[in-house]
PDB file of N, CA and C in Angstrom:
ATOM      1  N   MET A   1      56.936-112.078 -45.304  1.00  0.00           N
ATOM      2  CA  MET A   1      56.598-113.000 -44.394  1.00  0.00           C
ATOM      3  C   MET A   1      57.694-113.511 -43.525  1.00  0.00           C
ATOM      4  N   ILE A   2      57.459-113.606 -42.175  1.00  0.00           N
ATOM      5  CA  ILE A   2      58.309-114.165 -41.306  1.00  0.00           C
ATOM      6  C   ILE A   2      57.851-115.333 -40.511  1.00  0.00           C
ATOM      7  N   CYS A   3      58.610-116.462 -40.508  1.00  0.00           N
ATOM      8  CA  CYS A   3      58.084-117.634 -39.758  1.00  0.00           C
ATOM      9  C   CYS A   3      58.487-117.567 -38.321  1.00  0.00           C
ATOM     10  N   TYR A   4      57.499-117.949 -37.546  1.00  0.00           N
ATOM     11  CA  TYR A   4      57.812-118.033 -36.036  1.00  0.00           C
ATOM     12  C   TYR A   4      57.239-119.393 -35.520  1.00  0.00           C
ATOM     13  N   ALA A   5      57.982-119.851 -34.524  1.00  0.00           N
ATOM     14  CA  ALA A   5      57.370-121.066 -33.849  1.00  0.00           C
ATOM     15  C   ALA A   5      56.251-120.564 -32.872  1.00  0.00           C
ATOM     16  N   ASN A   6      56.333-119.292 -32.454  1.00  0.00           N
ATOM     17  CA  ASN A   6      55.338-118.795 -31.479  1.00  0.00           C
ATOM     18  C   ASN A   6      54.815-117.366 -32.030  1.00  0.00           C
ATOM     19  N   VAL A   7      53.833-117.328 -32.805  1.00  0.00           N
ATOM     20  CA  VAL A   7      53.189-116.154 -33.561  1.00  0.00           C
ATOM     21  C   VAL A   7      52.792-115.235 -32.634  1.00  0.00           C
ATOM     22  N   GLU A   8      52.137-115.660 -31.525  1.00  0.00           N
ATOM     23  CA  GLU A   8      51.645-114.713 -30.590  1.00  0.00           C
ATOM     24  C   GLU A   8      52.830-113.944 -29.975  1.00  0.00           C
ATOM     25  N   ALA A   9      53.915-114.718 -29.481  1.00  0.00           N
ATOM     26  CA  ALA A   9      55.027-114.003 -28.907  1.00  0.00           C
ATOM     27  C   ALA A   9      55.702-112.975 -29.832  1.00  0.00           C
ATOM     28  N   ALA A  10      55.743-113.335 -31.123  1.00  0.00           N
ATOM     29  CA  ALA A  10      56.237-112.447 -32.267  1.00  0.00           C
ATOM     30  C   ALA A  10      55.335-111.307 -32.310  1.00  0.00           C
ATOM     31  N   LYS A  11      54.145-111.442 -32.373  1.00  0.00           N
ATOM     32  CA  LYS A  11      53.106-110.253 -32.464  1.00  0.00           C
ATOM     33  C   LYS A  11      53.558-109.232 -31.311  1.00  0.00           C
ATOM     34  N   VAL A  12      53.643-109.744 -30.027  1.00  0.00           N
ATOM     35  CA  VAL A  12      53.973-108.835 -28.966  1.00  0.00           C
ATOM     36  C   VAL A  12      55.247-108.193 -29.266  1.00  0.00           C
ATOM     37  N   TRP A  13      56.228-108.772 -29.571  1.00  0.00           N
ATOM     38  CA  TRP A  13      57.569-108.301 -29.827  1.00  0.00           C
ATOM     39  C   TRP A  13      57.515-107.142 -30.895  1.00  0.00           C
ATOM     40  N   TRP A  14      56.895-107.448 -32.049  1.00  0.00           N
ATOM     41  CA  TRP A  14      56.799-106.458 -33.120  1.00  0.00           C
ATOM     42  C   TRP A  14      55.892-105.257 -32.640  1.00  0.00           C
ATOM     43  N   THR A  15      54.923-105.443 -31.823  1.00  0.00           N
ATOM     44  CA  THR A  15      54.074-104.450 -31.469  1.00  0.00           C
ATOM     45  C   THR A  15      54.765-103.401 -30.319  1.00  0.00           C
ATOM     46  N   GLU A  16      55.486-104.126 -29.532  1.00  0.00           N
ATOM     47  CA  GLU A  16      56.341-103.423 -28.465  1.00  0.00           C
ATOM     48  C   GLU A  16      57.606-102.633 -29.081  1.00  0.00           C
ATOM     49  N   VAL A  17      58.358-103.354 -29.869  1.00  0.00           N
ATOM     50  CA  VAL A  17      59.546-102.780 -30.465  1.00  0.00           C
ATOM     51  C   VAL A  17      59.320-101.915 -31.603  1.00  0.00           C
ATOM     52  N   PHE A  18      58.726-102.285 -32.671  1.00  0.00           N
ATOM     53  CA  PHE A  18      58.400-101.322 -33.904  1.00  0.00           C
ATOM     54  C   PHE A  18      57.032-100.557 -33.803  1.00  0.00           C
ATOM     55  N   ASP A  19      56.179-100.735 -32.620  1.00  0.00           N
ATOM     56  CA  ASP A  19      55.080 -99.968 -32.494  1.00  0.00           C
ATOM     57  C   ASP A  19      54.098-100.308 -33.511  1.00  0.00           C
ATOM     58  N   CYS A  20      53.908-101.517 -34.033  1.00  0.00           N
ATOM     59  CA  CYS A  20      53.056-102.062 -35.118  1.00  0.00           C
ATOM     60  C   CYS A  20      51.633-102.136 -34.536  1.00  0.00           C
ATOM     61  N   LYS A  21      50.800-101.943 -35.487  1.00  0.00           N
ATOM     62  CA  LYS A  21      49.206-102.163 -35.126  1.00  0.00           C
ATOM     63  C   LYS A  21      48.710-103.333 -35.847  1.00  0.00           C
ATOM     64  N   PRO A  22      48.026-104.363 -35.232  1.00  0.00           N
ATOM     65  CA  PRO A  22      47.293-105.364 -35.885  1.00  0.00           C
ATOM     66  C   PRO A  22      46.356-105.029 -37.054  1.00  0.00           C
ATOM     67  N   SER A  23      46.238-105.696 -37.884  1.00  0.00           N
ATOM     68  CA  SER A  23      45.320-105.307 -39.181  1.00  0.00           C
ATOM     69  C   SER A  23      44.698-106.617 -39.555  1.00  0.00           C
ATOM     70  N   ASN A  24      43.841-106.451 -40.515  1.00  0.00           N
ATOM     71  CA  ASN A  24      43.129-107.716 -41.047  1.00  0.00           C
ATOM     72  C   ASN A  24      43.798-108.120 -42.313  1.00  0.00           C
ATOM     73  N   VAL A  25      43.729-109.412 -42.592  1.00  0.00           N
ATOM     74  CA  VAL A  25      44.481-109.930 -43.858  1.00  0.00           C
ATOM     75  C   VAL A  25      43.769-109.336 -45.088  1.00  0.00           C
ATOM     76  N   PRO A  26      44.330-108.570 -46.014  1.00  0.00           N
ATOM     77  CA  PRO A  26      43.720-108.252 -47.127  1.00  0.00           C
ATOM     78  C   PRO A  26      42.907-109.339 -48.001  1.00  0.00           C
ATOM     79  N   ALA A  27      41.832-109.035 -48.463  1.00  0.00           N
ATOM     80  CA  ALA A  27      41.191-109.981 -49.251  1.00  0.00           C
ATOM     81  C   ALA A  27      41.897-110.578 -50.381  1.00  0.00           C
ATOM     82  N   ASP A  28      42.831-109.726 -51.016  1.00  0.00           N
ATOM     83  CA  ASP A  28      43.530-110.027 -52.293  1.00  0.00           C
ATOM     84  C   ASP A  28      44.751-110.640 -52.061  1.00  0.00           C
ATOM     85  N   TRP A  29      45.054-111.108 -50.781  1.00  0.00           N
ATOM     86  CA  TRP A  29      46.403-111.943 -50.528  1.00  0.00           C
ATOM     87  C   TRP A  29      46.333-113.254 -50.747  1.00  0.00           C
ATOM     88  N   ASP A  30      47.326-114.043 -51.379  1.00  0.00           N
ATOM     89  CA  ASP A  30      47.300-115.225 -51.696  1.00  0.00           C
ATOM     90  C   ASP A  30      47.675-116.084 -50.501  1.00  0.00           C
ATOM     91  N   GLU A  31      46.992-117.172 -50.444  1.00  0.00           N
ATOM     92  CA  GLU A  31      47.053-118.399 -49.598  1.00  0.00           C
ATOM     93  C   GLU A  31      47.231-117.885 -48.175  1.00  0.00           C
ATOM     94  N   PRO A  32      46.343-117.061 -47.626  1.00  0.00           N
ATOM     95  CA  PRO A  32      46.551-116.796 -46.198  1.00  0.00           C
ATOM     96  C   PRO A  32      46.155-118.131 -45.367  1.00  0.00           C
ATOM     97  N   LEU A  33      46.785-118.246 -44.240  1.00  0.00           N
ATOM     98  CA  LEU A  33      46.440-119.330 -43.234  1.00  0.00           C
ATOM     99  C   LEU A  33      45.806-118.760 -42.011  1.00  0.00           C
ATOM    100  N   PRO A  34      45.108-119.577 -41.471  1.00  0.00           N
ATOM    101  CA  PRO A  34      44.348-118.982 -40.186  1.00  0.00           C
ATOM    102  C   PRO A  34      45.171-118.458 -39.247  1.00  0.00           C
ATOM    103  N   SER A  35      46.243-118.765 -38.974  1.00  0.00           N
ATOM    104  CA  SER A  35      47.103-118.148 -37.802  1.00  0.00           C
ATOM    105  C   SER A  35      47.932-116.976 -38.360  1.00  0.00           C
ATOM    106  N   ASP A  36      47.680-116.651 -39.580  1.00  0.00           N
ATOM    107  CA  ASP A  36      48.576-115.289 -39.976  1.00  0.00           C
ATOM    108  C   ASP A  36      48.191-114.089 -39.157  1.00  0.00           C
ATOM    109  N   VAL A  37      49.236-113.371 -38.809  1.00  0.00           N
ATOM    110  CA  VAL A  37      49.125-112.228 -38.127  1.00  0.00           C
ATOM    111  C   VAL A  37      49.607-111.046 -39.002  1.00  0.00           C
ATOM    112  N   VAL A  38      48.911-110.035 -39.472  1.00  0.00           N
ATOM    113  CA  VAL A  38      49.071-109.046 -40.181  1.00  0.00           C
ATOM    114  C   VAL A  38      49.288-107.746 -39.300  1.00  0.00           C
ATOM    115  N   LEU A  39      50.583-107.038 -39.598  1.00  0.00           N
ATOM    116  CA  LEU A  39      50.720-105.769 -39.020  1.00  0.00           C
ATOM    117  C   LEU A  39      50.954-104.647 -39.830  1.00  0.00           C
ATOM    118  N   LYS A  40      50.721-103.396 -39.278  1.00  0.00           N
ATOM    119  CA  LYS A  40      50.975-102.023 -39.866  1.00  0.00           C
ATOM    120  C   LYS A  40      52.060-101.496 -39.235  1.00  0.00           C
ATOM    121  N   LEU A  41      53.099-100.917 -39.926  1.00  0.00           N
ATOM    122  CA  LEU A  41      54.096-100.117 -39.136  1.00  0.00           C
ATOM    123  C   LEU A  41      53.498 -98.606 -39.176  1.00  0.00           C
ATOM    124  N   PRO A  42      54.230 -97.905 -38.111  1.00  0.00           N
ATOM    125  CA  PRO A  42      53.605 -96.584 -37.992  1.00  0.00           C
ATOM    126  C   PRO A  42      53.765 -95.802 -39.286  1.00  0.00           C
ATOM    127  N   GLY A  43      52.630 -94.986 -39.575  1.00  0.00           N
ATOM    128  CA  GLY A  43      53.043 -94.231 -40.949  1.00  0.00           C
ATOM    129  C   GLY A  43      52.402 -94.983 -42.050  1.00  0.00           C
ATOM    130  N   HIS A  44      52.202 -96.024 -41.959  1.00  0.00           N
ATOM    131  CA  HIS A  44      51.758 -96.858 -43.238  1.00  0.00           C
ATOM    132  C   HIS A  44      50.307 -97.203 -43.122  1.00  0.00           C
ATOM    133  N   ASP A  45      49.586 -96.965 -44.249  1.00  0.00           N
ATOM    134  CA  ASP A  45      48.144 -97.345 -44.456  1.00  0.00           C
ATOM    135  C   ASP A  45      47.778 -98.662 -44.717  1.00  0.00           C
ATOM    136  N   GLU A  46      48.667 -99.425 -45.333  1.00  0.00           N
ATOM    137  CA  GLU A  46      48.522-100.759 -45.591  1.00  0.00           C
ATOM    138  C   GLU A  46      49.388-101.625 -44.752  1.00  0.00           C
ATOM    139  N   PRO A  47      49.001-102.851 -44.464  1.00  0.00           N
ATOM    140  CA  PRO A  47      49.826-103.820 -43.696  1.00  0.00           C
ATOM    141  C   PRO A  47      51.041-104.355 -44.508  1.00  0.00           C
ATOM    142  N   ILE A  48      52.262-104.316 -44.048  1.00  0.00           N
ATOM    143  CA  ILE A  48      53.432-104.915 -44.649  1.00  0.00           C
ATOM    144  C   ILE A  48      54.132-106.049 -43.978  1.00  0.00           C
ATOM    145  N   ILE A  49      53.888-106.193 -42.688  1.00  0.00           N
ATOM    146  CA  ILE A  49      54.333-107.275 -41.944  1.00  0.00           C
ATOM    147  C   ILE A  49      53.475-108.439 -41.710  1.00  0.00           C
ATOM    148  N   VAL A  50      53.790-109.650 -42.125  1.00  0.00           N
ATOM    149  CA  VAL A  50      53.069-110.804 -41.962  1.00  0.00           C
ATOM    150  C   VAL A  50      53.839-111.764 -41.120  1.00  0.00           C
ATOM    151  N   LEU A  51      53.305-112.117 -40.026  1.00  0.00           N
ATOM    152  CA  LEU A  51      53.942-113.369 -39.262  1.00  0.00           C
ATOM    153  C   LEU A  51      53.146-114.531 -39.484  1.00  0.00           C
ATOM    154  N   ILE A  52      53.881-115.570 -39.691  1.00  0.00           N
ATOM    155  CA  ILE A  52      53.219-116.880 -39.958  1.00  0.00           C
ATOM    156  C   ILE A  52      53.982-118.069 -38.984  1.00  0.00           C
ATOM    157  N   ASP A  53      53.025-119.037 -38.887  1.00  0.00           N
ATOM    158  CA  ASP A  53      53.197-119.936 -37.898  1.00  0.00           C
ATOM    159  C   ASP A  53      53.989-121.193 -38.821  1.00  0.00           C
ATOM    160  N   ARG A  54      55.230-121.419 -38.422  1.00  0.00           N
ATOM    161  CA  ARG A  54      56.191-122.332 -39.120  1.00  0.00           C
ATOM    162  C   ARG A  54      55.417-123.581 -39.307  1.00  0.00           C
ATOM    163  N   ALA A  55      54.893-124.124 -38.144  1.00  0.00           N
ATOM    164  CA  ALA A  55      54.293-125.632 -38.286  1.00  0.00           C
ATOM    165  C   ALA A  55      53.153-125.643 -39.259  1.00  0.00           C
ATOM    166  N   GLU A  56      52.312-124.661 -39.244  1.00  0.00           N
ATOM    167  CA  GLU A  56      51.124-124.426 -40.010  1.00  0.00           C
ATOM    168  C   GLU A  56      51.431-124.382 -41.460  1.00  0.00           C
ATOM    169  N   VAL A  57      52.711-123.682 -41.789  1.00  0.00           N
ATOM    170  CA  VAL A  57      53.050-123.534 -43.191  1.00  0.00           C
ATOM    171  C   VAL A  57      53.584-124.870 -43.655  1.00  0.00           C
ATOM    172  N   GLN A  58      54.322-125.652 -42.610  1.00  0.00           N
ATOM    173  CA  GLN A  58      54.728-127.018 -43.125  1.00  0.00           C
ATOM    174  C   GLN A  58      53.571-127.910 -43.322  1.00  0.00           C
ATOM    175  N   ARG A  59      52.562-127.789 -42.544  1.00  0.00           N
ATOM    176  CA  ARG A  59      51.376-128.775 -42.575  1.00  0.00           C
ATOM    177  C   ARG A  59      50.662-128.540 -43.929  1.00  0.00           C
ATOM    178  N   ALA A  60      50.539-127.242 -44.243  1.00  0.00           N
ATOM    179  CA  ALA A  60      49.948-126.895 -45.516  1.00  0.00           C
ATOM    180  C   ALA A  60      50.668-127.471 -46.802  1.00  0.00           C
ATOM    181  N   GLY A  61      51.942-127.768 -46.584  1.00  0.00           N
ATOM    182  CA  GLY A  61      52.735-128.075 -47.625  1.00  0.00           C
ATOM    183  C   GLY A  61      53.402-126.876 -48.598  1.00  0.00           C
ATOM    184  N   LEU A  62      53.434-125.819 -47.796  1.00  0.00           N
ATOM    185  CA  LEU A  62      53.795-124.578 -48.580  1.00  0.00           C
ATOM    186  C   LEU A  62      55.461-124.329 -48.146  1.00  0.00           C
ATOM    187  N   ALA A  63      56.036-123.693 -49.076  1.00  0.00           N
ATOM    188  CA  ALA A  63      57.439-123.344 -48.932  1.00  0.00           C
ATOM    189  C   ALA A  63      57.678-122.312 -47.812  1.00  0.00           C
ATOM    190  N   LEU A  64      58.608-122.590 -46.981  1.00  0.00           N
ATOM    191  CA  LEU A  64      58.952-121.419 -45.839  1.00  0.00           C
ATOM    192  C   LEU A  64      59.716-120.450 -46.582  1.00  0.00           C
ATOM    193  N   PRO A  65      59.330-119.207 -46.236  1.00  0.00           N
ATOM    194  CA  PRO A  65      60.154-117.982 -46.713  1.00  0.00           C
ATOM    195  C   PRO A  65      61.456-117.951 -46.346  1.00  0.00           C
ATOM    196  N   THR A  66      62.271-117.496 -47.258  1.00  0.00           N
ATOM    197  CA  THR A  66      63.639-117.443 -46.961  1.00  0.00           C
ATOM    198  C   THR A  66      64.288-116.095 -46.991  1.00  0.00           C
ATOM    199  N   ASP A  67      63.514-115.073 -47.491  1.00  0.00           N
ATOM    200  CA  ASP A  67      64.058-113.705 -47.779  1.00  0.00           C
ATOM    201  C   ASP A  67      64.010-113.026 -46.177  1.00  0.00           C
ATOM    202  N   ARG A  68      64.923-112.252 -45.900  1.00  0.00           N
ATOM    203  CA  ARG A  68      64.808-111.486 -44.613  1.00  0.00           C
ATOM    204  C   ARG A  68      64.046-110.105 -44.955  1.00  0.00           C
ATOM    205  N   PRO A  69      63.133-109.800 -43.976  1.00  0.00           N
ATOM    206  CA  PRO A  69      62.521-108.643 -44.305  1.00  0.00           C
ATOM    207  C   PRO A  69      63.307-107.265 -44.273  1.00  0.00           C
ATOM    208  N   ILE A  70      63.013-106.430 -45.126  1.00  0.00           N
ATOM    209  CA  ILE A  70      63.864-105.127 -45.290  1.00  0.00           C
ATOM    210  C   ILE A  70      62.816-104.000 -45.001  1.00  0.00           C
ATOM    211  N   LEU A  71      63.018-103.182 -43.946  1.00  0.00           N
ATOM    212  CA  LEU A  71      62.278-102.057 -43.699  1.00  0.00           C
ATOM    213  C   LEU A  71      63.030-100.794 -44.174  1.00  0.00           C
ATOM    214  N   PHE A  72      62.279 -99.832 -44.544  1.00  0.00           N
ATOM    215  CA  PHE A  72      62.900 -98.565 -45.171  1.00  0.00           C
ATOM    216  C   PHE A  72      62.539 -97.341 -44.108  1.00  0.00           C
ATOM    217  N   CYS A  73      63.590 -96.624 -43.969  1.00  0.00           N
ATOM    218  CA  CYS A  73      63.100 -95.433 -43.106  1.00  0.00           C
ATOM    219  C   CYS A  73      63.899 -94.200 -43.668  1.00  0.00           C
ATOM    220  N   GLY A  74      63.530 -93.008 -43.430  1.00  0.00           N
ATOM    221  CA  GLY A  74      64.058 -91.645 -43.811  1.00  0.00           C
ATOM    222  C   GLY A  74      65.338 -91.205 -42.944  1.00  0.00           C
ATOM    223  N   LYS A  75      65.364 -91.721 -41.662  1.00  0.00           N
ATOM    224  CA  LYS A  75      66.353 -91.196 -40.821  1.00  0.00           C
ATOM    225  C   LYS A  75      66.940 -92.427 -40.034  1.00  0.00           C
ATOM    226  N   ILE A  76      68.098 -93.055 -40.581  1.00  0.00           N
ATOM    227  CA  ILE A  76      68.507 -94.317 -40.105  1.00  0.00           C
ATOM    228  C   ILE A  76      69.046 -94.169 -38.724  1.00  0.00           C
ATOM    229  N   LYS A  77      69.851 -93.070 -38.429  1.00  0.00           N
ATOM    230  CA  LYS A  77      70.514 -92.982 -37.127  1.00  0.00           C
ATOM    231  C   LYS A  77      69.158 -92.932 -36.056  1.00  0.00           C
ATOM    232  N   ARG A  78      68.125 -92.103 -36.342  1.00  0.00           N
ATOM    233  CA  ARG A  78      67.041 -91.918 -35.394  1.00  0.00           C
ATOM    234  C   ARG A  78      66.397 -93.342 -35.169  1.00  0.00           C
ATOM    235  N   ALA A  79      66.239 -94.152 -36.211  1.00  0.00           N
ATOM    236  CA  ALA A  79      65.566 -95.558 -36.209  1.00  0.00           C
ATOM    237  C   ALA A  79      66.334 -96.312 -35.342  1.00  0.00           C
ATOM    238  N   HIS A  80      67.714 -96.178 -35.501  1.00  0.00           N
ATOM    239  CA  HIS A  80      68.546 -97.115 -34.722  1.00  0.00           C
ATOM    240  C   HIS A  80      68.503 -96.725 -33.278  1.00  0.00           C
ATOM    241  N   GLU A  81      68.444 -95.364 -32.899  1.00  0.00           N
ATOM    242  CA  GLU A  81      68.377 -95.008 -31.520  1.00  0.00           C
ATOM    243  C   GLU A  81      66.875 -95.364 -30.940  1.00  0.00           C
ATOM    244  N   TYR A  82      65.873 -95.202 -31.832  1.00  0.00           N
ATOM    245  CA  TYR A  82      64.657 -95.649 -31.162  1.00  0.00           C
ATOM    246  C   TYR A  82      64.472 -97.216 -31.014  1.00  0.00           C
ATOM    247  N   LEU A  83      65.057 -98.047 -31.804  1.00  0.00           N
ATOM    248  CA  LEU A  83      65.092 -99.414 -31.459  1.00  0.00           C
ATOM    249  C   LEU A  83      65.894 -99.842 -30.218  1.00  0.00           C
ATOM    250  N   GLU A  84      66.997 -99.002 -30.116  1.00  0.00           N
ATOM    251  CA  GLU A  84      67.896 -99.323 -28.952  1.00  0.00           C
ATOM    252  C   GLU A  84      67.105 -98.954 -27.819  1.00  0.00           C
ATOM    253  N   GLY A  85      66.284 -97.836 -27.648  1.00  0.00           N
ATOM    254  CA  GLY A  85      65.544 -97.445 -26.598  1.00  0.00           C
ATOM    255  C   GLY A  85      64.351 -98.362 -26.265  1.00  0.00           C
ATOM    256  N   ARG A  86      64.063 -99.227 -27.279  1.00  0.00           N
ATOM    257  CA  ARG A  86      63.017-100.174 -26.970  1.00  0.00           C
ATOM    258  C   ARG A  86      63.481-101.477 -26.659  1.00  0.00           C
ATOM    259  N   GLY A  87      64.856-101.626 -26.474  1.00  0.00           N
ATOM    260  CA  GLY A  87      65.605-102.643 -26.139  1.00  0.00           C
ATOM    261  C   GLY A  87      65.887-103.967 -27.140  1.00  0.00           C
ATOM    262  N   ALA A  88      65.825-103.359 -28.423  1.00  0.00           N
ATOM    263  CA  ALA A  88      66.046-104.356 -29.418  1.00  0.00           C
ATOM    264  C   ALA A  88      67.500-104.724 -29.959  1.00  0.00           C
ATOM    265  N   SER A  89      68.375-103.935 -29.449  1.00  0.00           N
ATOM    266  CA  SER A  89      69.891-104.204 -29.549  1.00  0.00           C
ATOM    267  C   SER A  89      70.170-104.275 -31.019  1.00  0.00           C
ATOM    268  N   PRO A  90      69.925-103.295 -31.813  1.00  0.00           N
ATOM    269  CA  PRO A  90      70.271-103.179 -33.137  1.00  0.00           C
ATOM    270  C   PRO A  90      71.744-103.163 -33.346  1.00  0.00           C
ATOM    271  N   GLY A  91      72.307-103.852 -34.577  1.00  0.00           N
ATOM    272  CA  GLY A  91      73.689-103.920 -34.694  1.00  0.00           C
ATOM    273  C   GLY A  91      74.081-102.379 -35.281  1.00  0.00           C
ATOM    274  N   PRO A  92      75.436-102.452 -35.510  1.00  0.00           N
ATOM    275  CA  PRO A  92      76.024-101.120 -35.998  1.00  0.00           C
ATOM    276  C   PRO A  92      75.235-100.635 -37.358  1.00  0.00           C
ATOM    277  N   ILE A  93      75.321 -99.212 -37.521  1.00  0.00           N
ATOM    278  CA  ILE A  93      74.949 -98.725 -38.813  1.00  0.00           C
ATOM    279  C   ILE A  93      76.112 -98.971 -39.696  1.00  0.00           C
ATOM    280  N   GLN A  94      75.719 -99.603 -40.951  1.00  0.00           N
ATOM    281  CA  GLN A  94      76.752 -99.929 -41.871  1.00  0.00           C
ATOM    282  C   GLN A  94      76.493 -99.303 -43.334  1.00  0.00           C
ATOM    283  N   ASP A  95      77.576 -99.170 -44.133  1.00  0.00           N
ATOM    284  CA  ASP A  95      77.322 -98.603 -45.403  1.00  0.00           C
ATOM    285  C   ASP A  95      77.490 -99.870 -46.422  1.00  0.00           C
ATOM    286  N   GLY A  96      76.553 -99.954 -47.223  1.00  0.00           N
ATOM    287  CA  GLY A  96      76.659-101.044 -48.320  1.00  0.00           C
ATOM    288  C   GLY A  96      75.722-100.973 -49.270  1.00  0.00           C
ATOM    289  N   GLY A  97      76.099-101.189 -50.609  1.00  0.00           N
ATOM    290  CA  GLY A  97      75.199-101.311 -51.665  1.00  0.00           C
ATOM    291  C   GLY A  97      74.605 -99.860 -51.987  1.00  0.00           C
ATOM    292  N   GLY A  98      75.362 -98.781 -51.591  1.00  0.00           N
ATOM    293  CA  GLY A  98      75.047 -97.490 -51.907  1.00  0.00           C
ATOM    294  C   GLY A  98      73.960 -97.036 -50.936  1.00  0.00           C
ATOM    295  N   THR A  99      73.790 -97.646 -49.783  1.00  0.00           N
ATOM    296  CA  THR A  99      72.880 -96.943 -48.786  1.00  0.00           C
ATOM    297  C   THR A  99      73.364 -97.328 -47.384  1.00  0.00           C
ATOM    298  N   GLN A 100      72.755 -96.916 -46.439  1.00  0.00           N
ATOM    299  CA  GLN A 100      73.189 -97.215 -44.899  1.00  0.00           C
ATOM    300  C   GLN A 100      72.138 -98.100 -44.492  1.00  0.00           C
ATOM    301  N   PHE A 101      72.549 -99.106 -43.477  1.00  0.00           N
ATOM    302  CA  PHE A 101      71.486-100.029 -43.117  1.00  0.00           C
ATOM    303  C   PHE A 101      72.164-100.585 -41.661  1.00  0.00           C
ATOM    304  N   PHE A 102      71.176-101.217 -40.963  1.00  0.00           N
ATOM    305  CA  PHE A 102      71.591-101.976 -39.768  1.00  0.00           C
ATOM    306  C   PHE A 102      70.619-103.227 -39.620  1.00  0.00           C
ATOM    307  N   GLU A 103      70.996-104.164 -38.846  1.00  0.00           N
ATOM    308  CA  GLU A 103      70.227-105.333 -38.675  1.00  0.00           C
ATOM    309  C   GLU A 103      69.949-105.345 -37.226  1.00  0.00           C
ATOM    310  N   VAL A 104      68.717-106.112 -36.998  1.00  0.00           N
ATOM    311  CA  VAL A 104      68.223-106.231 -35.645  1.00  0.00           C
ATOM    312  C   VAL A 104      67.720-107.804 -35.622  1.00  0.00           C
ATOM    313  N   ARG A 105      67.847-108.407 -34.642  1.00  0.00           N
ATOM    314  CA  ARG A 105      67.229-109.833 -34.530  1.00  0.00           C
ATOM    315  C   ARG A 105      66.069-109.854 -33.474  1.00  0.00           C
ATOM    316  N   ASP A 106      65.143-110.640 -33.960  1.00  0.00           N
ATOM    317  CA  ASP A 106      63.933-110.900 -33.209  1.00  0.00           C
ATOM    318  C   ASP A 106      64.137-111.865 -32.187  1.00  0.00           C
ATOM    319  N   PRO A 107      63.288-112.217 -31.103  1.00  0.00           N
ATOM    320  CA  PRO A 107      63.585-113.099 -30.108  1.00  0.00           C
ATOM    321  C   PRO A 107      63.988-114.665 -30.720  1.00  0.00           C
ATOM    322  N   GLU A 108      63.492-114.827 -31.951  1.00  0.00           N
ATOM    323  CA  GLU A 108      63.596-116.177 -32.539  1.00  0.00           C
ATOM    324  C   GLU A 108      64.768-116.225 -33.403  1.00  0.00           C
ATOM    325  N   GLY A 109      65.583-115.150 -33.545  1.00  0.00           N
ATOM    326  CA  GLY A 109      66.818-115.152 -34.181  1.00  0.00           C
ATOM    327  C   GLY A 109      66.538-114.695 -35.767  1.00  0.00           C
ATOM    328  N   ASN A 110      65.416-114.427 -35.969  1.00  0.00           N
ATOM    329  CA  ASN A 110      65.114-113.773 -37.522  1.00  0.00           C
ATOM    330  C   ASN A 110      65.822-112.480 -37.652  1.00  0.00           C
ATOM    331  N   VAL A 111      66.634-112.261 -38.805  1.00  0.00           N
ATOM    332  CA  VAL A 111      67.203-110.902 -38.987  1.00  0.00           C
ATOM    333  C   VAL A 111      66.336-109.916 -39.766  1.00  0.00           C
ATOM    334  N   ILE A 112      66.222-108.842 -39.311  1.00  0.00           N
ATOM    335  CA  ILE A 112      65.337-107.705 -39.844  1.00  0.00           C
ATOM    336  C   ILE A 112      66.350-106.661 -40.274  1.00  0.00           C
ATOM    337  N   GLU A 113      66.234-106.403 -41.582  1.00  0.00           N
ATOM    338  CA  GLU A 113      67.256-105.268 -41.936  1.00  0.00           C
ATOM    339  C   GLU A 113      66.605-104.027 -42.071  1.00  0.00           C
ATOM    340  N   VAL A 114      67.024-102.861 -41.586  1.00  0.00           N
ATOM    341  CA  VAL A 114      66.539-101.637 -41.622  1.00  0.00           C
ATOM    342  C   VAL A 114      67.433-100.678 -42.386  1.00  0.00           C
ATOM    343  N   CYS A 115      67.015-100.284 -43.641  1.00  0.00           N
ATOM    344  CA  CYS A 115      67.736 -99.446 -44.515  1.00  0.00           C
ATOM    345  C   CYS A 115      67.250 -98.113 -44.611  1.00  0.00           C
ATOM    346  N   LYS A 116      68.147 -97.047 -44.931  1.00  0.00           N
ATOM    347  CA  LYS A 116      67.807 -95.744 -45.276  1.00  0.00           C
ATOM    348  C   LYS A 116      67.069 -95.690 -46.539  1.00  0.00           C
ATOM    349  N   GLU A 117      66.014 -94.952 -46.675  1.00  0.00           N
ATOM    350  CA  GLU A 117      65.305 -94.869 -48.022  1.00  0.00           C
ATOM    351  C   GLU A 117      66.297 -94.220 -49.036  1.00  0.00           C
ATOM    352  N   PRO A 118      66.085 -94.680 -50.203  1.00  0.00           N
ATOM    353  CA  PRO A 118      66.990 -94.160 -51.222  1.00  0.00           C
ATOM    354  C   PRO A 118      66.568 -92.803 -51.601  1.00  0.00           C
TER     355      PRO A 118
END
């Protein structure tokens, strides 16, 4: 889950940059909120990206998520080039923890980590 002040703008960004597709909130998810936006990444059958409204989470008395999202891909250089081509300005590809990865920031400053699949 990723918190946003403007969930609709975040949805547009994820759709344009990562080519995500909107999906329905699965019935078995815990504590969905009315404003939750659920997205599928290309090549995934199930939604894995959840955009949540920061103000709504606070009003509901829930804890804000603190973990950064980590996305996995098979070809890290190709993913980096793809995101550059979509105007996302990814950081440099780095080696760490036995894998290659890079980071990209969304318009609200959230860091998304993209890692090469183990």
